[in-house]
Protein backbone atom coordinates (compact mmCIF):
# COMPACT_ATOMS: atom_id res chain seq x y z
CA MET A 1 -0.15 4.93 -0.91
CA GLN A 2 -1.44 5.59 -4.35
CA GLU A 3 -3.06 2.47 -6.04
CA GLN A 4 -3.35 1.69 -9.91
CA ALA A 5 -5.85 -1.14 -10.61
CA ASN A 6 -4.88 -3.15 -13.43
CA ASP A 7 -7.47 -5.22 -15.73
CA ASP A 8 -6.58 -8.75 -14.35
CA GLY A 9 -7.17 -7.98 -10.73
CA SER A 10 -3.80 -7.21 -10.13
CA SER A 11 -2.64 -3.50 -8.45
CA ASP A 12 0.45 -1.35 -8.47
CA TYR A 13 1.08 0.67 -5.35
CA GLY A 14 3.01 3.85 -4.89
CA ILE A 15 4.31 3.94 -1.76
CA CYS A 16 6.06 6.20 0.37
CA PHE A 17 6.78 5.50 4.29
CA VAL A 18 8.79 7.46 6.90
CA ASP A 19 9.73 6.13 10.53
CA VAL A 20 10.38 9.24 12.72
CA SER A 21 12.04 6.97 15.42
CA THR A 22 14.51 5.38 13.10
CA TYR A 23 14.89 8.34 10.45
CA GLU A 24 14.14 5.55 8.09
CA PHE A 25 12.47 6.66 4.56
CA GLY A 26 11.59 4.96 1.79
CA VAL A 27 9.71 5.30 -1.52
CA GLY A 28 8.82 2.62 -4.07
CA VAL A 29 6.61 0.97 -6.16
CA LEU A 30 4.80 -2.36 -5.59
CA HIS A 31 3.51 -4.58 -8.04
CA ASP A 32 0.94 -7.19 -6.37
CA ASP A 33 -1.37 -9.68 -7.21
CA GLU A 34 -5.12 -10.05 -7.33
CA LYS A 35 -4.84 -11.29 -3.63
CA SER A 36 -2.76 -8.14 -2.60
CA LEU A 37 -0.04 -10.49 -0.57
CA ALA A 38 2.52 -8.21 -1.18
CA LEU A 39 0.85 -4.97 0.09
CA GLU A 40 -0.52 -6.98 3.22
CA THR A 41 2.97 -8.44 4.06
CA LEU A 42 4.61 -4.54 3.75
CA LEU A 43 1.75 -3.39 6.01
CA LEU A 44 2.55 -5.91 8.28
CA ARG A 45 6.50 -5.45 8.47
CA LEU A 46 5.85 -1.84 8.88
CA GLN A 47 3.09 -1.50 11.07
CA PRO A 48 2.31 2.07 10.47
CA ALA A 49 0.41 4.34 12.75
CA GLU A 50 -1.11 6.41 10.09
CA LEU A 51 -1.88 5.62 6.39
CA LEU A 52 -2.67 8.16 3.72
CA TYR A 53 -4.23 7.37 0.52
CA ASP A 54 -6.75 8.72 -2.25
CA ARG A 55 -10.16 7.44 -1.29
CA LEU A 56 -11.18 7.84 -4.85
CA GLN A 57 -8.88 5.92 -6.60
CA THR A 58 -8.53 3.29 -4.03
CA THR A 59 -10.28 -0.08 -4.84
CA GLN A 60 -12.46 -1.53 -2.18
CA LYS A 61 -10.36 -4.67 -1.87
CA THR A 62 -7.35 -2.41 -0.50
CA LYS A 63 -9.68 -0.12 1.48
CA LYS A 64 -10.58 -3.31 3.65
CA LEU A 65 -6.69 -4.34 3.73
CA VAL A 66 -5.74 -1.33 5.21
CA GLN A 67 -8.50 -0.49 7.75
């Protein structure tokens, strides 16, 4: 996951996921509001076992959400 924080408090996320049990693979861009509701919904749906992100480029708001 790669985050691009915007001036208005929203964020854009580049996301890639792999589910080895179902052979599902996805890549996309997620445009989210300042509350990160879309990212939270996606994480609840996918329930990832591991999540990779850039510690230096990720906002504190997103770090709290993914931990």
